Amino acid sequence: MNVLIVFAHPEPQSFNGALLHTAVAALEAAGHAVQVSNLYAHLFDPVSDRHNFTTTRDASFFKQQAEELYATEHNGFAANIEAELQKLAWCDVMIWQFPLWWFSVPAILKGWVDRVFAMGRAYGNGRLYEHGPFRGKRALLSLTTGGSAADYSSGGLQGELAGILRPIHRGMLQFTGFTVLPPHVVYGPARQSETERQTVLEAWTARLPGLAAEAPLEVGRY
């Protein structure tokens, strides 16, 4: 399978970095092809505006969706955006590797979605959810938290993690057609021992080669 990993952490030596390197090594060792979009390393600009495009539909008023549709019809996406769209077309599985910040993805990753999930290429014209352009592809969130598993449980300090991740699972991934897999969550790696972190990496290594056969996560509409 072809796997795209979108990596969103500013420190390559972080535990997120260890999860990234573990994933690349495990997948390639199993014979899978891997591409990585390292957003911080590539200084990806999260601001979405006219620099997304080489074409212009309306110079007097910027409406992003209209410009995305026009760019779709006229091969008008900026080179860096087109490169990411090509990776999405190529992959069978997409993994987002990130730390959970403020109950969501880091701004650079949200900006990647804002710019790359373009109308006409990632959704639109009735192509949503099970009819989305990325149907048949799988997506997986691999993330770390600052708090413990108990903090992200029913009645815990932060509430259930499933509710926190639902806007991503449903509103970004399922919306564009991806089949969503259960997330890989590492709770509080900064508080874990080296032995505990190594156990986590070994479990991640064991899981990765079988992603194509995993049962999807039941996110639901409501």
N, C-alpha and C. Protein backbone atom coordinates (compact mmCIF):
# COMPACT_ATOMS: atom_id res chain seq x y z
N MET A 1 0.84 -1.19 0.00
CA MET A 1 0.00 0.00 0.00
C MET A 1 0.88 1.25 0.00
N ASN A 2 0.32 2.33 -0.47
CA ASN A 2 0.98 3.62 -0.48
C ASN A 2 0.50 4.43 0.71
N VAL A 3 1.44 4.92 1.52
CA VAL A 3 1.08 5.59 2.76
C VAL A 3 1.65 7.01 2.77
N LEU A 4 0.78 7.97 2.99
CA LEU A 4 1.18 9.37 3.18
C LEU A 4 1.12 9.68 4.67
N ILE A 5 2.22 10.18 5.22
CA ILE A 5 2.25 10.63 6.62
C ILE A 5 2.41 12.14 6.63
N VAL A 6 1.44 12.81 7.22
CA VAL A 6 1.51 14.27 7.38
C VAL A 6 1.98 14.52 8.81
N PHE A 7 3.17 15.08 8.94
CA PHE A 7 3.81 15.24 10.25
C PHE A 7 3.77 16.70 10.67
N ALA A 8 3.20 16.95 11.86
CA ALA A 8 3.02 18.31 12.34
C ALA A 8 3.54 18.44 13.77
N HIS A 9 4.85 18.55 13.89
CA HIS A 9 5.48 18.85 15.18
C HIS A 9 6.76 19.62 14.92
N PRO A 10 7.02 20.69 15.68
CA PRO A 10 8.18 21.54 15.39
C PRO A 10 9.52 20.94 15.82
N GLU A 11 9.49 19.88 16.65
CA GLU A 11 10.74 19.32 17.15
C GLU A 11 10.94 17.89 16.62
N PRO A 12 11.90 17.68 15.75
CA PRO A 12 12.10 16.33 15.18
C PRO A 12 12.52 15.29 16.21
N GLN A 13 13.09 15.71 17.33
CA GLN A 13 13.52 14.77 18.37
C GLN A 13 12.43 14.49 19.41
N SER A 14 11.24 15.03 19.19
CA SER A 14 10.12 14.79 20.09
C SER A 14 9.64 13.34 19.98
N PHE A 15 8.72 12.96 20.86
CA PHE A 15 8.15 11.62 20.75
C PHE A 15 7.30 11.50 19.50
N ASN A 16 6.68 12.59 19.07
CA ASN A 16 6.00 12.56 17.77
C ASN A 16 7.00 12.23 16.66
N GLY A 17 8.21 12.80 16.75
CA GLY A 17 9.24 12.46 15.79
C GLY A 17 9.60 10.99 15.84
N ALA A 18 9.67 10.43 17.04
CA ALA A 18 9.96 9.00 17.18
C ALA A 18 8.85 8.15 16.57
N LEU A 19 7.61 8.56 16.75
CA LEU A 19 6.49 7.85 16.14
C LEU A 19 6.56 7.92 14.62
N LEU A 20 6.93 9.09 14.09
CA LEU A 20 7.09 9.24 12.64
C LEU A 20 8.16 8.28 12.11
N HIS A 21 9.35 8.33 12.70
CA HIS A 21 10.45 7.50 12.20
C HIS A 21 10.14 6.01 12.36
N THR A 22 9.45 5.66 13.43
CA THR A 22 9.04 4.27 13.62
C THR A 22 8.08 3.84 12.53
N ALA A 23 7.14 4.71 12.18
CA ALA A 23 6.15 4.38 11.15
C ALA A 23 6.82 4.20 9.80
N VAL A 24 7.70 5.11 9.43
CA VAL A 24 8.38 5.00 8.13
C VAL A 24 9.17 3.70 8.07
N ALA A 25 9.93 3.40 9.13
CA ALA A 25 10.75 2.19 9.14
C ALA A 25 9.90 0.93 9.07
N ALA A 26 8.82 0.88 9.86
CA ALA A 26 7.98 -0.31 9.91
C ALA A 26 7.26 -0.54 8.58
N LEU A 27 6.75 0.52 7.99
CA LEU A 27 6.01 0.38 6.73
C LEU A 27 6.94 -0.01 5.59
N GLU A 28 8.10 0.63 5.51
CA GLU A 28 9.03 0.30 4.44
C GLU A 28 9.57 -1.12 4.61
N ALA A 29 9.80 -1.54 5.84
CA ALA A 29 10.28 -2.90 6.09
C ALA A 29 9.24 -3.94 5.66
N ALA A 30 7.96 -3.57 5.72
CA ALA A 30 6.88 -4.47 5.31
C ALA A 30 6.60 -4.38 3.81
N GLY A 31 7.39 -3.56 3.09
CA GLY A 31 7.25 -3.48 1.64
C GLY A 31 6.31 -2.41 1.13
N HIS A 32 5.88 -1.51 2.01
CA HIS A 32 4.97 -0.45 1.61
C HIS A 32 5.74 0.80 1.19
N ALA A 33 5.14 1.59 0.32
CA ALA A 33 5.75 2.86 -0.11
C ALA A 33 5.26 3.97 0.80
N VAL A 34 6.17 4.88 1.17
CA VAL A 34 5.85 5.94 2.12
C VAL A 34 6.31 7.29 1.57
N GLN A 35 5.44 8.28 1.68
CA GLN A 35 5.81 9.68 1.48
C GLN A 35 5.47 10.45 2.75
N VAL A 36 6.30 11.43 3.10
CA VAL A 36 6.09 12.23 4.31
C VAL A 36 5.96 13.70 3.92
N SER A 37 4.92 14.34 4.40
CA SER A 37 4.79 15.79 4.32
C SER A 37 5.15 16.34 5.71
N ASN A 38 6.38 16.80 5.84
CA ASN A 38 6.89 17.32 7.12
C ASN A 38 6.64 18.82 7.13
N LEU A 39 5.53 19.23 7.72
CA LEU A 39 5.04 20.60 7.55
C LEU A 39 5.97 21.64 8.14
N TYR A 40 6.49 21.41 9.32
CA TYR A 40 7.40 22.40 9.92
C TYR A 40 8.72 22.44 9.18
N ALA A 41 9.26 21.29 8.84
CA ALA A 41 10.55 21.25 8.14
C ALA A 41 10.47 21.94 6.78
N HIS A 42 9.30 21.84 6.14
CA HIS A 42 9.12 22.46 4.82
C HIS A 42 8.57 23.88 4.92
N LEU A 43 8.45 24.38 6.16
CA LEU A 43 7.94 25.74 6.39
C LEU A 43 6.62 25.96 5.66
N PHE A 44 5.72 24.99 5.80
CA PHE A 44 4.43 25.10 5.13
C PHE A 44 3.65 26.28 5.68
N ASP A 45 3.19 27.15 4.79
CA ASP A 45 2.44 28.34 5.19
C ASP A 45 0.98 27.94 5.40
N PRO A 46 0.44 28.07 6.62
CA PRO A 46 -0.94 27.67 6.86
C PRO A 46 -1.99 28.69 6.42
N VAL A 47 -1.55 29.88 6.01
CA VAL A 47 -2.50 30.94 5.65
C VAL A 47 -3.06 30.68 4.25
N SER A 48 -4.37 30.57 4.17
CA SER A 48 -5.04 30.27 2.91
C SER A 48 -5.57 31.55 2.28
N ASP A 49 -5.08 31.86 1.08
CA ASP A 49 -5.53 33.05 0.36
C ASP A 49 -5.19 32.88 -1.12
N ARG A 50 -4.99 33.97 -1.83
CA ARG A 50 -4.77 33.89 -3.28
C ARG A 50 -3.48 33.17 -3.66
N HIS A 51 -2.53 33.07 -2.72
CA HIS A 51 -1.30 32.39 -3.09
C HIS A 51 -1.46 30.88 -3.18
N ASN A 52 -2.69 30.39 -2.94
CA ASN A 52 -3.01 28.98 -3.22
C ASN A 52 -3.04 28.71 -4.72
N PHE A 53 -3.16 29.76 -5.52
CA PHE A 53 -3.50 29.60 -6.94
C PHE A 53 -2.53 30.33 -7.86
N THR A 54 -2.46 29.83 -9.08
CA THR A 54 -1.77 30.54 -10.17
C THR A 54 -2.78 31.16 -11.11
N THR A 55 -4.04 30.80 -10.96
CA THR A 55 -5.12 31.36 -11.77
C THR A 55 -5.95 32.33 -10.93
N THR A 56 -6.75 33.13 -11.60
CA THR A 56 -7.65 34.06 -10.91
C THR A 56 -8.99 34.05 -11.61
N ARG A 57 -10.03 33.72 -10.86
CA ARG A 57 -11.38 33.76 -11.41
C ARG A 57 -11.97 35.16 -11.30
N ASP A 58 -11.79 35.78 -10.13
CA ASP A 58 -12.35 37.10 -9.86
C ASP A 58 -11.31 37.90 -9.08
N ALA A 59 -10.68 38.85 -9.73
CA ALA A 59 -9.64 39.66 -9.09
C ALA A 59 -10.19 40.69 -8.13
N SER A 60 -11.49 40.98 -8.21
CA SER A 60 -12.07 42.04 -7.40
C SER A 60 -12.62 41.56 -6.06
N PHE A 61 -12.86 40.24 -5.94
CA PHE A 61 -13.44 39.70 -4.71
C PHE A 61 -12.98 38.26 -4.55
N PHE A 62 -12.34 37.97 -3.40
CA PHE A 62 -11.81 36.64 -3.18
C PHE A 62 -12.81 35.75 -2.48
N LYS A 63 -13.25 34.72 -3.17
CA LYS A 63 -14.06 33.67 -2.57
C LYS A 63 -13.32 32.36 -2.82
N GLN A 64 -12.81 31.77 -1.74
CA GLN A 64 -11.88 30.66 -1.90
C GLN A 64 -12.49 29.49 -2.65
N GLN A 65 -13.72 29.09 -2.32
CA GLN A 65 -14.30 27.93 -2.99
C GLN A 65 -14.45 28.16 -4.49
N ALA A 66 -14.84 29.37 -4.87
CA ALA A 66 -14.97 29.67 -6.29
C ALA A 66 -13.62 29.61 -6.99
N GLU A 67 -12.58 30.10 -6.33
CA GLU A 67 -11.25 30.04 -6.91
C GLU A 67 -10.74 28.60 -6.97
N GLU A 68 -11.10 27.79 -5.98
CA GLU A 68 -10.69 26.38 -6.01
C GLU A 68 -11.35 25.65 -7.18
N LEU A 69 -12.63 25.90 -7.39
CA LEU A 69 -13.30 25.26 -8.52
C LEU A 69 -12.68 25.71 -9.85
N TYR A 70 -12.38 27.00 -9.95
CA TYR A 70 -11.77 27.53 -11.17
C TYR A 70 -10.38 26.93 -11.38
N ALA A 71 -9.61 26.83 -10.30
CA ALA A 71 -8.28 26.24 -10.40
C ALA A 71 -8.36 24.77 -10.76
N THR A 72 -9.37 24.07 -10.28
CA THR A 72 -9.57 22.67 -10.63
C THR A 72 -9.79 22.52 -12.13
N GLU A 73 -10.55 23.43 -12.69
CA GLU A 73 -10.87 23.36 -14.13
C GLU A 73 -9.73 23.83 -15.02
N HIS A 74 -8.81 24.67 -14.47
CA HIS A 74 -7.77 25.30 -15.30
C HIS A 74 -6.35 24.98 -14.83
N ASN A 75 -6.21 23.89 -14.06
CA ASN A 75 -4.87 23.48 -13.60
C ASN A 75 -4.16 24.65 -12.93
N GLY A 76 -4.87 25.28 -11.98
CA GLY A 76 -4.40 26.54 -11.44
C GLY A 76 -3.97 26.54 -9.99
N PHE A 77 -3.62 25.39 -9.43
CA PHE A 77 -3.15 25.38 -8.05
C PHE A 77 -1.65 25.67 -8.00
N ALA A 78 -1.23 26.41 -6.97
CA ALA A 78 0.19 26.66 -6.76
C ALA A 78 0.92 25.33 -6.66
N ALA A 79 2.21 25.34 -7.02
CA ALA A 79 2.96 24.09 -7.12
C ALA A 79 2.99 23.31 -5.82
N ASN A 80 3.13 24.00 -4.68
CA ASN A 80 3.19 23.27 -3.41
C ASN A 80 1.84 22.65 -3.04
N ILE A 81 0.76 23.30 -3.41
CA ILE A 81 -0.56 22.73 -3.14
C ILE A 81 -0.83 21.56 -4.07
N GLU A 82 -0.49 21.71 -5.34
CA GLU A 82 -0.67 20.62 -6.30
C GLU A 82 0.15 19.40 -5.88
N ALA A 83 1.34 19.61 -5.34
CA ALA A 83 2.16 18.49 -4.88
C ALA A 83 1.47 17.72 -3.76
N GLU A 84 0.83 18.42 -2.84
CA GLU A 84 0.10 17.75 -1.76
C GLU A 84 -1.14 17.03 -2.29
N LEU A 85 -1.82 17.64 -3.24
CA LEU A 85 -2.98 16.99 -3.85
C LEU A 85 -2.58 15.71 -4.58
N GLN A 86 -1.41 15.74 -5.20
CA GLN A 86 -0.93 14.53 -5.89
C GLN A 86 -0.61 13.43 -4.88
N LYS A 87 -0.08 13.80 -3.72
CA LYS A 87 0.18 12.80 -2.68
C LYS A 87 -1.13 12.17 -2.20
N LEU A 88 -2.16 13.00 -2.05
CA LEU A 88 -3.46 12.47 -1.64
C LEU A 88 -4.03 11.52 -2.68
N ALA A 89 -3.87 11.85 -3.94
CA ALA A 89 -4.34 10.96 -5.00
C ALA A 89 -3.56 9.64 -5.00
N TRP A 90 -2.29 9.72 -4.66
CA TRP A 90 -1.40 8.56 -4.69
C TRP A 90 -1.64 7.58 -3.54
N CYS A 91 -1.95 8.10 -2.37
CA CYS A 91 -1.95 7.25 -1.18
C CYS A 91 -3.18 6.35 -1.09
N ASP A 92 -2.97 5.21 -0.44
CA ASP A 92 -4.07 4.33 -0.03
C ASP A 92 -4.45 4.61 1.42
N VAL A 93 -3.46 4.99 2.21
CA VAL A 93 -3.65 5.29 3.63
C VAL A 93 -2.97 6.61 3.94
N MET A 94 -3.64 7.47 4.71
CA MET A 94 -3.04 8.71 5.18
C MET A 94 -3.00 8.70 6.70
N ILE A 95 -1.84 9.01 7.25
CA ILE A 95 -1.66 9.11 8.70
C ILE A 95 -1.31 10.55 9.04
N TRP A 96 -2.00 11.12 10.02
CA TRP A 96 -1.60 12.42 10.57
C TRP A 96 -0.90 12.17 11.89
N GLN A 97 0.33 12.64 11.99
CA GLN A 97 1.10 12.52 13.23
C GLN A 97 1.24 13.89 13.87
N PHE A 98 0.69 14.06 15.08
CA PHE A 98 0.65 15.39 15.68
C PHE A 98 0.41 15.32 17.18
N PRO A 99 0.74 16.39 17.90
CA PRO A 99 0.35 16.52 19.31
C PRO A 99 -1.02 17.19 19.39
N LEU A 100 -1.83 16.76 20.32
CA LEU A 100 -3.13 17.39 20.51
C LEU A 100 -2.92 18.72 21.23
N TRP A 101 -3.23 19.82 20.53
CA TRP A 101 -3.07 21.16 21.08
C TRP A 101 -4.44 21.84 21.13
N TRP A 102 -4.83 22.31 22.30
CA TRP A 102 -6.09 23.03 22.45
C TRP A 102 -7.26 22.24 21.84
N PHE A 103 -7.29 20.94 22.15
CA PHE A 103 -8.38 20.06 21.72
C PHE A 103 -8.46 19.92 20.20
N SER A 104 -7.34 20.10 19.51
CA SER A 104 -7.38 20.03 18.05
C SER A 104 -5.98 19.77 17.51
N VAL A 105 -5.87 19.88 16.21
CA VAL A 105 -4.57 19.74 15.55
C VAL A 105 -3.80 21.05 15.64
N PRO A 106 -2.47 21.03 15.54
CA PRO A 106 -1.70 22.28 15.47
C PRO A 106 -2.16 23.13 14.28
N ALA A 107 -1.99 24.44 14.41
CA ALA A 107 -2.47 25.37 13.38
C ALA A 107 -1.89 25.06 12.01
N ILE A 108 -0.64 24.60 11.97
CA ILE A 108 -0.02 24.33 10.68
C ILE A 108 -0.72 23.18 9.96
N LEU A 109 -1.22 22.21 10.71
CA LEU A 109 -1.95 21.10 10.11
C LEU A 109 -3.35 21.52 9.70
N LYS A 110 -4.01 22.33 10.53
CA LYS A 110 -5.32 22.86 10.12
C LYS A 110 -5.18 23.71 8.86
N GLY A 111 -4.10 24.49 8.77
CA GLY A 111 -3.87 25.28 7.57
C GLY A 111 -3.61 24.42 6.36
N TRP A 112 -2.94 23.29 6.56
CA TRP A 112 -2.74 22.34 5.46
C TRP A 112 -4.09 21.86 4.93
N VAL A 113 -5.01 21.55 5.84
CA VAL A 113 -6.35 21.14 5.43
C VAL A 113 -7.06 22.28 4.70
N ASP A 114 -6.99 23.49 5.25
CA ASP A 114 -7.65 24.64 4.64
C ASP A 114 -7.20 24.85 3.19
N ARG A 115 -5.91 24.64 2.94
CA ARG A 115 -5.36 24.93 1.62
C ARG A 115 -5.42 23.75 0.66
N VAL A 116 -5.26 22.53 1.19
CA VAL A 116 -5.12 21.36 0.32
C VAL A 116 -6.45 20.66 0.07
N PHE A 117 -7.35 20.65 1.03
CA PHE A 117 -8.65 20.01 0.82
C PHE A 117 -9.54 20.96 0.02
N ALA A 118 -9.20 21.13 -1.23
CA ALA A 118 -9.82 22.14 -2.07
C ALA A 118 -11.11 21.64 -2.70
N MET A 119 -12.07 22.55 -2.77
CA MET A 119 -13.33 22.23 -3.45
C MET A 119 -13.04 21.93 -4.92
N GLY A 120 -13.61 20.86 -5.39
CA GLY A 120 -13.34 20.42 -6.75
C GLY A 120 -12.36 19.26 -6.79
N ARG A 121 -11.45 19.22 -5.82
CA ARG A 121 -10.47 18.15 -5.75
C ARG A 121 -10.70 17.23 -4.55
N ALA A 122 -11.13 17.80 -3.42
CA ALA A 122 -11.33 17.01 -2.21
C ALA A 122 -12.80 16.84 -1.84
N TYR A 123 -13.66 17.65 -2.39
CA TYR A 123 -15.10 17.57 -2.14
C TYR A 123 -15.80 18.49 -3.13
N GLY A 124 -17.14 18.44 -3.11
CA GLY A 124 -17.93 19.37 -3.91
C GLY A 124 -18.73 18.68 -5.00
N ASN A 125 -19.75 19.39 -5.48
CA ASN A 125 -20.63 18.87 -6.53
C ASN A 125 -21.26 17.53 -6.12
N GLY A 126 -21.70 17.48 -4.87
CA GLY A 126 -22.36 16.28 -4.37
C GLY A 126 -21.40 15.19 -3.92
N ARG A 127 -20.12 15.42 -4.05
CA ARG A 127 -19.14 14.39 -3.66
C ARG A 127 -18.71 14.64 -2.21
N LEU A 128 -19.47 14.06 -1.30
CA LEU A 128 -19.24 14.22 0.13
C LEU A 128 -19.38 12.86 0.81
N TYR A 129 -18.72 12.71 1.95
CA TYR A 129 -18.84 11.52 2.77
C TYR A 129 -18.60 10.26 1.94
N GLU A 130 -19.54 9.32 1.91
CA GLU A 130 -19.29 8.05 1.21
C GLU A 130 -19.13 8.24 -0.31
N HIS A 131 -19.49 9.41 -0.81
CA HIS A 131 -19.30 9.71 -2.24
C HIS A 131 -18.13 10.66 -2.46
N GLY A 132 -17.36 10.93 -1.43
CA GLY A 132 -16.25 11.87 -1.54
C GLY A 132 -15.13 11.37 -2.44
N PRO A 133 -14.32 12.27 -2.96
CA PRO A 133 -13.23 11.89 -3.87
C PRO A 133 -12.22 10.92 -3.27
N PHE A 134 -12.11 10.87 -1.94
CA PHE A 134 -11.12 10.00 -1.32
C PHE A 134 -11.73 8.69 -0.82
N ARG A 135 -12.92 8.35 -1.31
CA ARG A 135 -13.53 7.07 -0.93
C ARG A 135 -12.60 5.93 -1.37
N GLY A 136 -12.57 4.91 -0.54
CA GLY A 136 -11.67 3.79 -0.79
C GLY A 136 -10.31 3.95 -0.12
N LYS A 137 -10.01 5.18 0.32
CA LYS A 137 -8.76 5.43 1.04
C LYS A 137 -9.03 5.42 2.54
N ARG A 138 -7.98 5.17 3.32
CA ARG A 138 -8.11 5.09 4.76
C ARG A 138 -7.31 6.19 5.42
N ALA A 139 -7.77 6.65 6.57
CA ALA A 139 -7.09 7.72 7.31
C ALA A 139 -7.01 7.35 8.78
N LEU A 140 -5.90 7.74 9.39
CA LEU A 140 -5.62 7.39 10.78
C LEU A 140 -4.96 8.57 11.48
N LEU A 141 -5.47 8.94 12.63
CA LEU A 141 -4.84 9.95 13.47
C LEU A 141 -3.92 9.27 14.46
N SER A 142 -2.65 9.69 14.47
CA SER A 142 -1.69 9.23 15.46
C SER A 142 -1.27 10.45 16.26
N LEU A 143 -1.58 10.47 17.54
CA LEU A 143 -1.41 11.71 18.30
C LEU A 143 -0.92 11.44 19.72
N THR A 144 -0.35 12.48 20.28
CA THR A 144 0.05 12.45 21.69
C THR A 144 -0.76 13.48 22.46
N THR A 145 -0.91 13.24 23.75
CA THR A 145 -1.60 14.19 24.62
C THR A 145 -0.67 14.60 25.76
N GLY A 146 -1.03 15.68 26.42
CA GLY A 146 -0.31 16.07 27.62
C GLY A 146 -0.83 15.36 28.85
N GLY A 147 -2.12 15.04 28.85
CA GLY A 147 -2.75 14.41 30.00
C GLY A 147 -2.79 12.91 29.91
N SER A 148 -3.32 12.30 30.95
CA SER A 148 -3.39 10.85 31.05
C SER A 148 -4.64 10.32 30.36
N ALA A 149 -4.71 9.00 30.21
CA ALA A 149 -5.90 8.38 29.63
C ALA A 149 -7.13 8.68 30.48
N ALA A 150 -6.96 8.72 31.80
CA ALA A 150 -8.10 9.01 32.68
C ALA A 150 -8.65 10.41 32.44
N ASP A 151 -7.77 11.35 32.09
CA ASP A 151 -8.23 12.71 31.81
C ASP A 151 -9.16 12.77 30.62
N TYR A 152 -8.97 11.85 29.67
CA TYR A 152 -9.74 11.86 28.42
C TYR A 152 -10.80 10.77 28.41
N SER A 153 -11.34 10.45 29.55
CA SER A 153 -12.39 9.45 29.67
C SER A 153 -13.70 10.13 30.09
N SER A 154 -14.77 9.37 30.05
CA SER A 154 -16.05 9.88 30.50
C SER A 154 -15.95 10.27 31.97
N GLY A 155 -16.24 11.51 32.28
CA GLY A 155 -16.11 11.99 33.64
C GLY A 155 -14.73 12.49 33.98
N GLY A 156 -13.79 12.36 33.04
CA GLY A 156 -12.44 12.84 33.27
C GLY A 156 -12.34 14.34 33.08
N LEU A 157 -11.18 14.88 33.38
CA LEU A 157 -10.97 16.32 33.34
C LEU A 157 -11.29 16.91 31.97
N GLN A 158 -10.88 16.25 30.90
CA GLN A 158 -11.06 16.78 29.55
C GLN A 158 -12.29 16.24 28.84
N GLY A 159 -12.87 15.17 29.36
CA GLY A 159 -13.98 14.52 28.67
C GLY A 159 -13.47 13.49 27.68
N GLU A 160 -14.39 12.76 27.08
CA GLU A 160 -14.02 11.66 26.20
C GLU A 160 -13.26 12.14 24.98
N LEU A 161 -12.18 11.46 24.67
CA LEU A 161 -11.37 11.84 23.51
C LEU A 161 -12.14 11.70 22.20
N ALA A 162 -13.04 10.73 22.14
CA ALA A 162 -13.81 10.55 20.91
C ALA A 162 -14.57 11.81 20.53
N GLY A 163 -15.10 12.52 21.53
CA GLY A 163 -15.82 13.76 21.25
C GLY A 163 -14.90 14.87 20.78
N ILE A 164 -13.69 14.90 21.32
CA ILE A 164 -12.72 15.91 20.90
C ILE A 164 -12.29 15.69 19.46
N LEU A 165 -12.10 14.42 19.09
CA LEU A 165 -11.60 14.10 17.75
C LEU A 165 -12.69 14.05 16.68
N ARG A 166 -13.95 14.06 17.10
CA ARG A 166 -15.03 13.91 16.13
C ARG A 166 -15.02 14.97 15.04
N PRO A 167 -14.78 16.27 15.33
CA PRO A 167 -14.75 17.25 14.24
C PRO A 167 -13.69 16.94 13.18
N ILE A 168 -12.61 16.28 13.60
CA ILE A 168 -11.57 15.89 12.65
C ILE A 168 -12.01 14.64 11.90
N HIS A 169 -12.44 13.64 12.64
CA HIS A 169 -12.83 12.38 12.02
C HIS A 169 -14.00 12.56 11.05
N ARG A 170 -15.02 13.27 11.52
CA ARG A 170 -16.23 13.41 10.71
C ARG A 170 -16.15 14.59 9.75
N GLY A 171 -15.71 15.75 10.27
CA GLY A 171 -15.79 16.99 9.50
C GLY A 171 -14.68 17.20 8.50
N MET A 172 -13.56 16.48 8.64
CA MET A 172 -12.46 16.61 7.68
C MET A 172 -12.25 15.32 6.89
N LEU A 173 -12.13 14.20 7.59
CA LEU A 173 -11.74 12.95 6.94
C LEU A 173 -12.93 12.24 6.29
N GLN A 174 -13.96 11.91 7.07
CA GLN A 174 -15.13 11.28 6.46
C GLN A 174 -15.80 12.21 5.45
N PHE A 175 -15.78 13.49 5.71
CA PHE A 175 -16.41 14.47 4.81
C PHE A 175 -15.86 14.36 3.40
N THR A 176 -14.57 14.07 3.27
CA THR A 176 -13.94 13.99 1.95
C THR A 176 -13.86 12.56 1.42
N GLY A 177 -14.45 11.61 2.16
CA GLY A 177 -14.56 10.26 1.65
C GLY A 177 -13.67 9.23 2.31
N PHE A 178 -12.76 9.65 3.18
CA PHE A 178 -11.87 8.69 3.82
C PHE A 178 -12.64 7.74 4.74
N THR A 179 -12.21 6.50 4.77
CA THR A 179 -12.61 5.55 5.81
C THR A 179 -11.69 5.78 7.00
N VAL A 180 -12.25 6.06 8.16
CA VAL A 180 -11.47 6.43 9.33
C VAL A 180 -11.17 5.19 10.17
N LEU A 181 -9.91 5.03 10.53
CA LEU A 181 -9.48 3.94 11.40
C LEU A 181 -9.40 4.43 12.84
N PRO A 182 -9.45 3.52 13.82
CA PRO A 182 -9.30 3.94 15.22
C PRO A 182 -7.99 4.68 15.42
N PRO A 183 -8.01 5.77 16.18
CA PRO A 183 -6.79 6.56 16.36
C PRO A 183 -5.74 5.81 17.18
N HIS A 184 -4.49 6.18 16.95
CA HIS A 184 -3.39 5.68 17.78
C HIS A 184 -3.04 6.82 18.74
N VAL A 185 -3.31 6.63 20.01
CA VAL A 185 -3.17 7.70 20.99
C VAL A 185 -2.12 7.31 22.02
N VAL A 186 -1.16 8.20 22.22
CA VAL A 186 -0.16 8.02 23.27
C VAL A 186 -0.44 9.08 24.34
N TYR A 187 -0.88 8.64 25.49
CA TYR A 187 -1.26 9.56 26.56
C TYR A 187 -0.04 9.93 27.40
N GLY A 188 0.26 11.22 27.44
CA GLY A 188 1.30 11.74 28.30
C GLY A 188 2.66 11.11 28.14
N PRO A 189 3.22 11.07 26.93
CA PRO A 189 4.54 10.43 26.78
C PRO A 189 5.63 11.11 27.59
N ALA A 190 5.48 12.40 27.86
CA ALA A 190 6.50 13.10 28.66
C ALA A 190 6.57 12.56 30.08
N ARG A 191 5.50 11.91 30.53
CA ARG A 191 5.46 11.36 31.89
C ARG A 191 5.79 9.86 31.91
N GLN A 192 6.04 9.29 30.75
CA GLN A 192 6.34 7.86 30.68
C GLN A 192 7.83 7.61 30.84
N SER A 193 8.16 6.43 31.29
CA SER A 193 9.55 6.02 31.36
C SER A 193 10.05 5.64 29.97
N GLU A 194 11.35 5.52 29.82
CA GLU A 194 11.91 5.11 28.54
C GLU A 194 11.40 3.72 28.15
N THR A 195 11.25 2.85 29.12
CA THR A 195 10.73 1.51 28.85
C THR A 195 9.30 1.57 28.36
N GLU A 196 8.49 2.42 28.99
CA GLU A 196 7.09 2.57 28.56
C GLU A 196 7.01 3.14 27.15
N ARG A 197 7.84 4.11 26.84
CA ARG A 197 7.83 4.69 25.50
C ARG A 197 8.27 3.68 24.45
N GLN A 198 9.23 2.86 24.81
CA GLN A 198 9.68 1.83 23.87
C GLN A 198 8.58 0.81 23.61
N THR A 199 7.81 0.48 24.64
CA THR A 199 6.68 -0.43 24.47
C THR A 199 5.64 0.16 23.52
N VAL A 200 5.41 1.46 23.64
CA VAL A 200 4.47 2.16 22.75
C VAL A 200 4.96 2.07 21.30
N LEU A 201 6.22 2.31 21.08
CA LEU A 201 6.78 2.26 19.72
C LEU A 201 6.70 0.85 19.15
N GLU A 202 6.91 -0.15 19.98
CA GLU A 202 6.81 -1.53 19.51
C GLU A 202 5.38 -1.88 19.12
N ALA A 203 4.41 -1.38 19.88
CA ALA A 203 3.00 -1.62 19.55
C ALA A 203 2.63 -0.93 18.24
N TRP A 204 3.15 0.27 18.03
CA TRP A 204 2.92 1.01 16.79
C TRP A 204 3.52 0.26 15.61
N THR A 205 4.73 -0.25 15.78
CA THR A 205 5.39 -1.03 14.74
C THR A 205 4.55 -2.26 14.37
N ALA A 206 3.99 -2.90 15.38
CA ALA A 206 3.20 -4.11 15.13
C ALA A 206 1.89 -3.81 14.42
N ARG A 207 1.32 -2.63 14.69
CA ARG A 207 0.02 -2.31 14.11
C ARG A 207 0.10 -1.91 12.64
N LEU A 208 1.12 -1.18 12.29
CA LEU A 208 1.17 -0.50 10.99
C LEU A 208 1.02 -1.39 9.76
N PRO A 209 1.69 -2.53 9.68
CA PRO A 209 1.58 -3.32 8.43
C PRO A 209 0.18 -3.81 8.12
N GLY A 210 -0.70 -3.88 9.12
CA GLY A 210 -2.04 -4.41 8.91
C GLY A 210 -3.13 -3.38 8.73
N LEU A 211 -2.77 -2.13 8.47
CA LEU A 211 -3.78 -1.07 8.39
C LEU A 211 -4.82 -1.32 7.29
N ALA A 212 -4.43 -1.95 6.22
CA ALA A 212 -5.36 -2.17 5.10
C ALA A 212 -6.50 -3.11 5.49
N ALA A 213 -6.29 -3.93 6.51
CA ALA A 213 -7.30 -4.92 6.90
C ALA A 213 -8.04 -4.55 8.17
N GLU A 214 -7.71 -3.44 8.79
CA GLU A 214 -8.35 -3.06 10.06
C GLU A 214 -9.82 -2.69 9.87
N ALA A 215 -10.63 -3.00 10.87
CA ALA A 215 -12.01 -2.56 10.87
C ALA A 215 -12.07 -1.05 11.12
N PRO A 216 -12.93 -0.33 10.39
CA PRO A 216 -13.00 1.13 10.56
C PRO A 216 -13.63 1.53 11.88
N LEU A 217 -13.36 2.77 12.24
CA LEU A 217 -13.97 3.37 13.42
C LEU A 217 -15.40 3.78 13.12
N GLU A 218 -16.30 3.54 14.05
CA GLU A 218 -17.68 3.98 13.89
C GLU A 218 -17.82 5.39 14.46
N VAL A 219 -17.76 6.39 13.58
CA VAL A 219 -17.86 7.78 14.03
C VAL A 219 -19.32 8.20 14.14
N GLY A 220 -20.13 7.87 13.16
CA GLY A 220 -21.54 8.22 13.19
C GLY A 220 -21.81 9.64 12.76
N ARG A 221 -23.06 9.92 12.42
CA ARG A 221 -23.45 11.23 11.92
C ARG A 221 -23.68 12.25 13.02
N TYR A 222 -24.06 11.79 14.20
CA TYR A 222 -24.47 12.75 15.24
C TYR A 222 -23.68 12.53 16.51
